PDB file of N, CA and C in Angstrom:
ATOM      1  N   MET A   1     -71.459   6.566 -20.414  1.00  0.00           N
ATOM      2  CA  MET A   1     -72.444   6.915 -21.389  1.00  0.00           C
ATOM      3  C   MET A   1     -71.756   7.548 -22.615  1.00  0.00           C
ATOM      4  N   TYR A   2     -72.332   7.323 -23.780  1.00  0.00           N
ATOM      5  CA  TYR A   2     -71.785   7.883 -25.000  1.00  0.00           C
ATOM      6  C   TYR A   2     -72.898   8.147 -25.985  1.00  0.00           C
ATOM      7  N   LEU A   3     -72.614   8.972 -26.998  1.00  0.00           N
ATOM      8  CA  LEU A   3     -73.594   9.328 -28.021  1.00  0.00           C
ATOM      9  C   LEU A   3     -73.581   8.247 -29.118  1.00  0.00           C
ATOM     10  N   CYS A   4     -74.724   7.945 -29.650  1.00  0.00           N
ATOM     11  CA  CYS A   4     -74.884   7.017 -30.733  1.00  0.00           C
ATOM     12  C   CYS A   4     -75.743   7.657 -31.802  1.00  0.00           C
ATOM     13  N   ILE A   5     -75.257   7.628 -33.054  1.00  0.00           N
ATOM     14  CA  ILE A   5     -76.012   8.161 -34.181  1.00  0.00           C
ATOM     15  C   ILE A   5     -76.603   6.978 -34.937  1.00  0.00           C
ATOM     16  N   THR A   6     -77.873   7.082 -35.227  1.00  0.00           N
ATOM     17  CA  THR A   6     -78.564   6.043 -35.989  1.00  0.00           C
ATOM     18  C   THR A   6     -79.250   6.601 -37.218  1.00  0.00           C
ATOM     19  N   GLY A   7     -79.515   5.767 -38.191  1.00  0.00           N
ATOM     20  CA  GLY A   7     -80.190   6.188 -39.395  1.00  0.00           C
ATOM     21  C   GLY A   7     -81.244   5.177 -39.841  1.00  0.00           C
ATOM     22  N   PHE A   8     -82.360   5.721 -40.288  1.00  0.00           N
ATOM     23  CA  PHE A   8     -83.463   4.904 -40.747  1.00  0.00           C
ATOM     24  C   PHE A   8     -83.968   5.444 -42.073  1.00  0.00           C
ATOM     25  N   LEU A   9     -84.595   4.604 -42.872  1.00  0.00           N
ATOM     26  CA  LEU A   9     -85.216   5.058 -44.104  1.00  0.00           C
ATOM     27  C   LEU A   9     -86.300   6.072 -43.738  1.00  0.00           C
ATOM     28  N   PRO A  10     -86.592   7.018 -44.631  1.00  0.00           N
ATOM     29  CA  PRO A  10     -87.676   7.968 -44.393  1.00  0.00           C
ATOM     30  C   PRO A  10     -88.998   7.236 -44.155  1.00  0.00           C
ATOM     31  N   ASP A  11     -89.934   7.914 -43.544  1.00  0.00           N
ATOM     32  CA  ASP A  11     -91.231   7.350 -43.172  1.00  0.00           C
ATOM     33  C   ASP A  11     -92.010   6.849 -44.372  1.00  0.00           C
ATOM     34  N   THR A  12     -91.674   7.279 -45.574  1.00  0.00           N
ATOM     35  CA  THR A  12     -92.403   6.857 -46.776  1.00  0.00           C
ATOM     36  C   THR A  12     -92.123   5.393 -47.087  1.00  0.00           C
ATOM     37  N   PHE A  13     -91.102   4.797 -46.469  1.00  0.00           N
ATOM     38  CA  PHE A  13     -90.810   3.407 -46.701  1.00  0.00           C
ATOM     39  C   PHE A  13     -91.405   2.562 -45.561  1.00  0.00           C
ATOM     40  N   GLU A  14     -91.810   1.365 -45.885  1.00  0.00           N
ATOM     41  CA  GLU A  14     -92.417   0.478 -44.863  1.00  0.00           C
ATOM     42  C   GLU A  14     -91.336  -0.154 -43.986  1.00  0.00           C
ATOM     43  N   ASP A  15     -90.130  -0.175 -44.437  1.00  0.00           N
ATOM     44  CA  ASP A  15     -88.989  -0.768 -43.695  1.00  0.00           C
ATOM     45  C   ASP A  15     -88.553   0.178 -42.601  1.00  0.00           C
ATOM     46  N   SER A  16     -88.745  -0.210 -41.349  1.00  0.00           N
ATOM     47  CA  SER A  16     -88.335   0.647 -40.233  1.00  0.00           C
ATOM     48  C   SER A  16     -87.098   0.104 -39.511  1.00  0.00           C
ATOM     49  N   SER A  17     -86.378  -0.804 -40.160  1.00  0.00           N
ATOM     50  CA  SER A  17     -85.204  -1.356 -39.520  1.00  0.00           C
ATOM     51  C   SER A  17     -84.032  -0.396 -39.556  1.00  0.00           C
ATOM     52  N   LEU A  18     -83.127  -0.566 -38.624  1.00  0.00           N
ATOM     53  CA  LEU A  18     -81.934   0.259 -38.502  1.00  0.00           C
ATOM     54  C   LEU A  18     -81.069   0.064 -39.729  1.00  0.00           C
ATOM     55  N   LYS A  19     -80.664   1.182 -40.364  1.00  0.00           N
ATOM     56  CA  LYS A  19     -79.829   1.130 -41.556  1.00  0.00           C
ATOM     57  C   LYS A  19     -78.413   1.666 -41.307  1.00  0.00           C
ATOM     58  N   TYR A  20     -78.221   2.405 -40.230  1.00  0.00           N
ATOM     59  CA  TYR A  20     -76.930   2.971 -39.934  1.00  0.00           C
ATOM     60  C   TYR A  20     -76.790   3.149 -38.455  1.00  0.00           C
ATOM     61  N   GLU A  21     -75.604   2.880 -37.934  1.00  0.00           N
ATOM     62  CA  GLU A  21     -75.332   3.049 -36.510  1.00  0.00           C
ATOM     63  C   GLU A  21     -73.854   3.427 -36.327  1.00  0.00           C
ATOM     64  N   LEU A  22     -73.609   4.442 -35.505  1.00  0.00           N
ATOM     65  CA  LEU A  22     -72.264   4.859 -35.254  1.00  0.00           C
ATOM     66  C   LEU A  22     -72.137   5.318 -33.781  1.00  0.00           C
ATOM     67  N   ASP A  23     -71.225   4.668 -33.044  1.00  0.00           N
ATOM     68  CA  ASP A  23     -70.898   5.124 -31.672  1.00  0.00           C
ATOM     69  C   ASP A  23     -69.925   6.251 -31.793  1.00  0.00           C
ATOM     70  N   VAL A  24     -70.277   7.409 -31.278  1.00  0.00           N
ATOM     71  CA  VAL A  24     -69.438   8.606 -31.409  1.00  0.00           C
ATOM     72  C   VAL A  24     -68.325   8.574 -30.389  1.00  0.00           C
ATOM     73  N   ASP A  25     -67.141   8.872 -30.825  1.00  0.00           N
ATOM     74  CA  ASP A  25     -65.970   8.967 -29.932  1.00  0.00           C
ATOM     75  C   ASP A  25     -66.309   9.955 -28.809  1.00  0.00           C
ATOM     76  N   THR A  26     -66.073   9.546 -27.588  1.00  0.00           N
ATOM     77  CA  THR A  26     -66.418  10.398 -26.435  1.00  0.00           C
ATOM     78  C   THR A  26     -65.687  11.733 -26.394  1.00  0.00           C
ATOM     79  N   ALA A  27     -64.599  11.845 -27.166  1.00  0.00           N
ATOM     80  CA  ALA A  27     -63.854  13.139 -27.234  1.00  0.00           C
ATOM     81  C   ALA A  27     -64.741  14.258 -27.812  1.00  0.00           C
ATOM     82  N   PHE A  28     -65.779  13.915 -28.541  1.00  0.00           N
ATOM     83  CA  PHE A  28     -66.643  14.907 -29.191  1.00  0.00           C
ATOM     84  C   PHE A  28     -67.922  15.167 -28.393  1.00  0.00           C
ATOM     85  N   THR A  29     -68.160  14.443 -27.303  1.00  0.00           N
ATOM     86  CA  THR A  29     -69.418  14.523 -26.569  1.00  0.00           C
ATOM     87  C   THR A  29     -69.784  15.963 -26.173  1.00  0.00           C
ATOM     88  N   ASP A  30     -68.882  16.620 -25.482  1.00  0.00           N
ATOM     89  CA  ASP A  30     -69.222  17.982 -24.980  1.00  0.00           C
ATOM     90  C   ASP A  30     -69.550  18.938 -26.108  1.00  0.00           C
ATOM     91  N   GLN A  31     -68.803  18.887 -27.177  1.00  0.00           N
ATOM     92  CA  GLN A  31     -69.030  19.791 -28.303  1.00  0.00           C
ATOM     93  C   GLN A  31     -70.392  19.515 -28.949  1.00  0.00           C
ATOM     94  N   ILE A  32     -70.754  18.265 -29.112  1.00  0.00           N
ATOM     95  CA  ILE A  32     -72.043  17.905 -29.716  1.00  0.00           C
ATOM     96  C   ILE A  32     -73.191  18.279 -28.826  1.00  0.00           C
ATOM     97  N   VAL A  33     -73.076  17.969 -27.541  1.00  0.00           N
ATOM     98  CA  VAL A  33     -74.129  18.301 -26.590  1.00  0.00           C
ATOM     99  C   VAL A  33     -74.384  19.814 -26.588  1.00  0.00           C
ATOM    100  N   GLN A  34     -73.308  20.602 -26.568  1.00  0.00           N
ATOM    101  CA  GLN A  34     -73.453  22.051 -26.560  1.00  0.00           C
ATOM    102  C   GLN A  34     -74.026  22.518 -27.886  1.00  0.00           C
ATOM    103  N   PHE A  35     -73.543  21.993 -29.007  1.00  0.00           N
ATOM    104  CA  PHE A  35     -74.055  22.370 -30.330  1.00  0.00           C
ATOM    105  C   PHE A  35     -75.551  22.157 -30.448  1.00  0.00           C
ATOM    106  N   LEU A  36     -76.030  21.044 -29.880  1.00  0.00           N
ATOM    107  CA  LEU A  36     -77.485  20.726 -29.984  1.00  0.00           C
ATOM    108  C   LEU A  36     -78.298  21.468 -28.945  1.00  0.00           C
ATOM    109  N   GLY A  37     -77.664  22.221 -28.033  1.00  0.00           N
ATOM    110  CA  GLY A  37     -78.383  23.037 -27.116  1.00  0.00           C
ATOM    111  C   GLY A  37     -78.843  22.351 -25.848  1.00  0.00           C
ATOM    112  N   HIS A  38     -78.239  21.199 -25.527  1.00  0.00           N
ATOM    113  CA  HIS A  38     -78.629  20.505 -24.295  1.00  0.00           C
ATOM    114  C   HIS A  38     -77.689  20.917 -23.174  1.00  0.00           C
ATOM    115  N   LYS A  39     -78.189  20.810 -21.962  1.00  0.00           N
ATOM    116  CA  LYS A  39     -77.407  21.238 -20.802  1.00  0.00           C
ATOM    117  C   LYS A  39     -76.312  20.237 -20.450  1.00  0.00           C
ATOM    118  N   SER A  40     -76.556  18.968 -20.698  1.00  0.00           N
ATOM    119  CA  SER A  40     -75.594  17.917 -20.373  1.00  0.00           C
ATOM    120  C   SER A  40     -75.930  16.665 -21.115  1.00  0.00           C
ATOM    121  N   LEU A  41     -75.008  15.646 -21.061  1.00  0.00           N
ATOM    122  CA  LEU A  41     -75.255  14.397 -21.665  1.00  0.00           C
ATOM    123  C   LEU A  41     -76.452  13.725 -20.976  1.00  0.00           C
ATOM    124  N   ASN A  42     -76.537  13.884 -19.663  1.00  0.00           N
ATOM    125  CA  ASN A  42     -77.665  13.317 -18.916  1.00  0.00           C
ATOM    126  C   ASN A  42     -78.994  13.888 -19.414  1.00  0.00           C
ATOM    127  N   ALA A  43     -79.025  15.160 -19.729  1.00  0.00           N
ATOM    128  CA  ALA A  43     -80.245  15.792 -20.236  1.00  0.00           C
ATOM    129  C   ALA A  43     -80.660  15.218 -21.588  1.00  0.00           C
ATOM    130  N   MET A  44     -79.668  14.811 -22.398  1.00  0.00           N
ATOM    131  CA  MET A  44     -79.984  14.180 -23.688  1.00  0.00           C
ATOM    132  C   MET A  44     -80.471  12.764 -23.543  1.00  0.00           C
ATOM    133  N   ALA A  45     -80.200  12.122 -22.400  1.00  0.00           N
ATOM    134  CA  ALA A  45     -80.500  10.715 -22.213  1.00  0.00           C
ATOM    135  C   ALA A  45     -82.010  10.429 -22.141  1.00  0.00           C
ATOM    136  N   SER A  46     -82.838  11.445 -22.182  1.00  0.00           N
ATOM    137  CA  SER A  46     -84.263  11.254 -22.053  1.00  0.00           C
ATOM    138  C   SER A  46     -84.933  10.724 -23.358  1.00  0.00           C
ATOM    139  N   GLY A  47     -84.167  10.615 -24.404  1.00  0.00           N
ATOM    140  CA  GLY A  47     -84.738  10.092 -25.660  1.00  0.00           C
ATOM    141  C   GLY A  47     -83.787  10.188 -26.780  1.00  0.00           C
ATOM    142  N   GLU A  48     -84.283   9.839 -27.984  1.00  0.00           N
ATOM    143  CA  GLU A  48     -83.543  10.007 -29.193  1.00  0.00           C
ATOM    144  C   GLU A  48     -83.970  11.292 -29.867  1.00  0.00           C
ATOM    145  N   TRP A  49     -83.040  11.980 -30.472  1.00  0.00           N
ATOM    146  CA  TRP A  49     -83.328  13.282 -31.056  1.00  0.00           C
ATOM    147  C   TRP A  49     -83.084  13.228 -32.566  1.00  0.00           C
ATOM    148  N   ARG A  50     -84.104  13.576 -33.316  1.00  0.00           N
ATOM    149  CA  ARG A  50     -83.951  13.608 -34.782  1.00  0.00           C
ATOM    150  C   ARG A  50     -83.095  14.873 -35.169  1.00  0.00           C
ATOM    151  N   LEU A  51     -82.133  14.637 -36.025  1.00  0.00           N
ATOM    152  CA  LEU A  51     -81.271  15.718 -36.488  1.00  0.00           C
ATOM    153  C   LEU A  51     -81.777  16.260 -37.799  1.00  0.00           C
ATOM    154  N   THR A  52     -81.678  17.559 -37.942  1.00  0.00           N
ATOM    155  CA  THR A  52     -81.973  18.133 -39.265  1.00  0.00           C
ATOM    156  C   THR A  52     -80.800  17.806 -40.197  1.00  0.00           C
ATOM    157  N   VAL A  53     -80.993  17.962 -41.473  1.00  0.00           N
ATOM    158  CA  VAL A  53     -79.874  17.730 -42.424  1.00  0.00           C
ATOM    159  C   VAL A  53     -78.682  18.584 -42.062  1.00  0.00           C
ATOM    160  N   GLU A  54     -78.920  19.832 -41.712  1.00  0.00           N
ATOM    161  CA  GLU A  54     -77.832  20.754 -41.385  1.00  0.00           C
ATOM    162  C   GLU A  54     -77.104  20.291 -40.104  1.00  0.00           C
ATOM    163  N   GLN A  55     -77.865  19.875 -39.077  1.00  0.00           N
ATOM    164  CA  GLN A  55     -77.225  19.413 -37.871  1.00  0.00           C
ATOM    165  C   GLN A  55     -76.375  18.165 -38.128  1.00  0.00           C
ATOM    166  N   ALA A  56     -76.907  17.242 -38.907  1.00  0.00           N
ATOM    167  CA  ALA A  56     -76.172  16.021 -39.248  1.00  0.00           C
ATOM    168  C   ALA A  56     -74.889  16.345 -39.995  1.00  0.00           C
ATOM    169  N   GLN A  57     -74.955  17.282 -40.908  1.00  0.00           N
ATOM    170  CA  GLN A  57     -73.785  17.683 -41.681  1.00  0.00           C
ATOM    171  C   GLN A  57     -72.719  18.295 -40.767  1.00  0.00           C
ATOM    172  N   LYS A  58     -73.148  19.164 -39.872  1.00  0.00           N
ATOM    173  CA  LYS A  58     -72.193  19.846 -38.961  1.00  0.00           C
ATOM    174  C   LYS A  58     -71.571  18.832 -38.017  1.00  0.00           C
ATOM    175  N   ILE A  59     -72.352  17.912 -37.466  1.00  0.00           N
ATOM    176  CA  ILE A  59     -71.826  16.904 -36.567  1.00  0.00           C
ATOM    177  C   ILE A  59     -70.877  16.000 -37.362  1.00  0.00           C
ATOM    178  N   GLY A  60     -71.232  15.626 -38.581  1.00  0.00           N
ATOM    179  CA  GLY A  60     -70.339  14.798 -39.393  1.00  0.00           C
ATOM    180  C   GLY A  60     -69.043  15.473 -39.652  1.00  0.00           C
ATOM    181  N   ALA A  61     -69.064  16.773 -39.925  1.00  0.00           N
ATOM    182  CA  ALA A  61     -67.831  17.533 -40.156  1.00  0.00           C
ATOM    183  C   ALA A  61     -66.982  17.572 -38.884  1.00  0.00           C
ATOM    184  N   LEU A  62     -67.643  17.754 -37.741  1.00  0.00           N
ATOM    185  CA  LEU A  62     -66.939  17.818 -36.441  1.00  0.00           C
ATOM    186  C   LEU A  62     -66.213  16.514 -36.134  1.00  0.00           C
ATOM    187  N   ILE A  63     -66.862  15.388 -36.389  1.00  0.00           N
ATOM    188  CA  ILE A  63     -66.257  14.069 -36.076  1.00  0.00           C
ATOM    189  C   ILE A  63     -65.530  13.495 -37.286  1.00  0.00           C
ATOM    190  N   ASN A  64     -65.521  14.220 -38.393  1.00  0.00           N
ATOM    191  CA  ASN A  64     -64.788  13.838 -39.602  1.00  0.00           C
ATOM    192  C   ASN A  64     -65.287  12.508 -40.190  1.00  0.00           C
ATOM    193  N   ILE A  65     -66.615  12.366 -40.184  1.00  0.00           N
ATOM    194  CA  ILE A  65     -67.258  11.188 -40.767  1.00  0.00           C
ATOM    195  C   ILE A  65     -68.434  11.675 -41.608  1.00  0.00           C
ATOM    196  N   SER A  66     -68.521  11.164 -42.796  1.00  0.00           N
ATOM    197  CA  SER A  66     -69.632  11.528 -43.684  1.00  0.00           C
ATOM    198  C   SER A  66     -70.863  10.717 -43.293  1.00  0.00           C
ATOM    199  N   LEU A  67     -71.877  11.393 -42.752  1.00  0.00           N
ATOM    200  CA  LEU A  67     -73.106  10.725 -42.364  1.00  0.00           C
ATOM    201  C   LEU A  67     -73.992  10.558 -43.578  1.00  0.00           C
ATOM    202  N   PRO A  68     -74.779   9.497 -43.638  1.00  0.00           N
ATOM    203  CA  PRO A  68     -75.658   9.267 -44.805  1.00  0.00           C
ATOM    204  C   PRO A  68     -76.665  10.436 -44.979  1.00  0.00           C
ATOM    205  N   ARG A  69     -76.849  10.831 -46.203  1.00  0.00           N
ATOM    206  CA  ARG A  69     -77.768  11.938 -46.485  1.00  0.00           C
ATOM    207  C   ARG A  69     -79.169  11.400 -46.904  1.00  0.00           C
ATOM    208  N   ASP A  70     -79.255  10.120 -47.191  1.00  0.00           N
ATOM    209  CA  ASP A  70     -80.503   9.600 -47.667  1.00  0.00           C
ATOM    210  C   ASP A  70     -81.330   8.922 -46.557  1.00  0.00           C
ATOM    211  N   LEU A  71     -80.889   9.063 -45.313  1.00  0.00           N
ATOM    212  CA  LEU A  71     -81.587   8.471 -44.157  1.00  0.00           C
ATOM    213  C   LEU A  71     -82.026   9.581 -43.213  1.00  0.00           C
ATOM    214  N   GLU A  72     -83.023   9.219 -42.383  1.00  0.00           N
ATOM    215  CA  GLU A  72     -83.397  10.116 -41.244  1.00  0.00           C
ATOM    216  C   GLU A  72     -82.383   9.805 -40.132  1.00  0.00           C
ATOM    217  N   ILE A  73     -81.696  10.809 -39.662  1.00  0.00           N
ATOM    218  CA  ILE A  73     -80.600  10.597 -38.724  1.00  0.00           C
ATOM    219  C   ILE A  73     -81.065  11.058 -37.331  1.00  0.00           C
ATOM    220  N   PHE A  74     -80.781  10.220 -36.353  1.00  0.00           N
ATOM    221  CA  PHE A  74     -81.103  10.463 -34.966  1.00  0.00           C
ATOM    222  C   PHE A  74     -79.835  10.392 -34.106  1.00  0.00           C
ATOM    223  N   ILE A  75     -79.865  11.029 -32.949  1.00  0.00           N
ATOM    224  CA  ILE A  75     -78.763  10.907 -31.995  1.00  0.00           C
ATOM    225  C   ILE A  75     -79.368  10.637 -30.633  1.00  0.00           C
ATOM    226  N   GLY A  76     -78.719   9.795 -29.867  1.00  0.00           N
ATOM    227  CA  GLY A  76     -79.208   9.459 -28.570  1.00  0.00           C
ATOM    228  C   GLY A  76     -78.036   9.025 -27.677  1.00  0.00           C
ATOM    229  N   VAL A  77     -78.323   8.713 -26.442  1.00  0.00           N
ATOM    230  CA  VAL A  77     -77.315   8.333 -25.457  1.00  0.00           C
ATOM    231  C   VAL A  77     -77.436   6.850 -25.170  1.00  0.00           C
ATOM    232  N   GLU A  78     -76.295   6.177 -25.194  1.00  0.00           N
ATOM    233  CA  GLU A  78     -76.220   4.744 -24.861  1.00  0.00           C
ATOM    234  C   GLU A  78     -75.423   4.591 -23.572  1.00  0.00           C
ATOM    235  N   GLU A  79     -75.689   3.521 -22.886  1.00  0.00           N
ATOM    236  CA  GLU A  79     -74.925   3.275 -21.630  1.00  0.00           C
ATOM    237  C   GLU A  79     -73.980   2.088 -21.836  1.00  0.00           C
TER     238      GLU A  79
END
């Protein structure tokens, strides 16, 4: 299992298609899970979690990737 970050246009747009997708390197999994306050990766697997702008920026800094600021960013677990 691994973390996947996705991005969609804000709800004000009619287009609900996926605009951004990033499979997060598993080396960062434990740090991200802890940062988001989850007990484990399995606990996060129950759904997709919307990130605040601040959370997205901190995760982007941690993984050294600039995440889009104009999209609604989510994180979830993929198998």
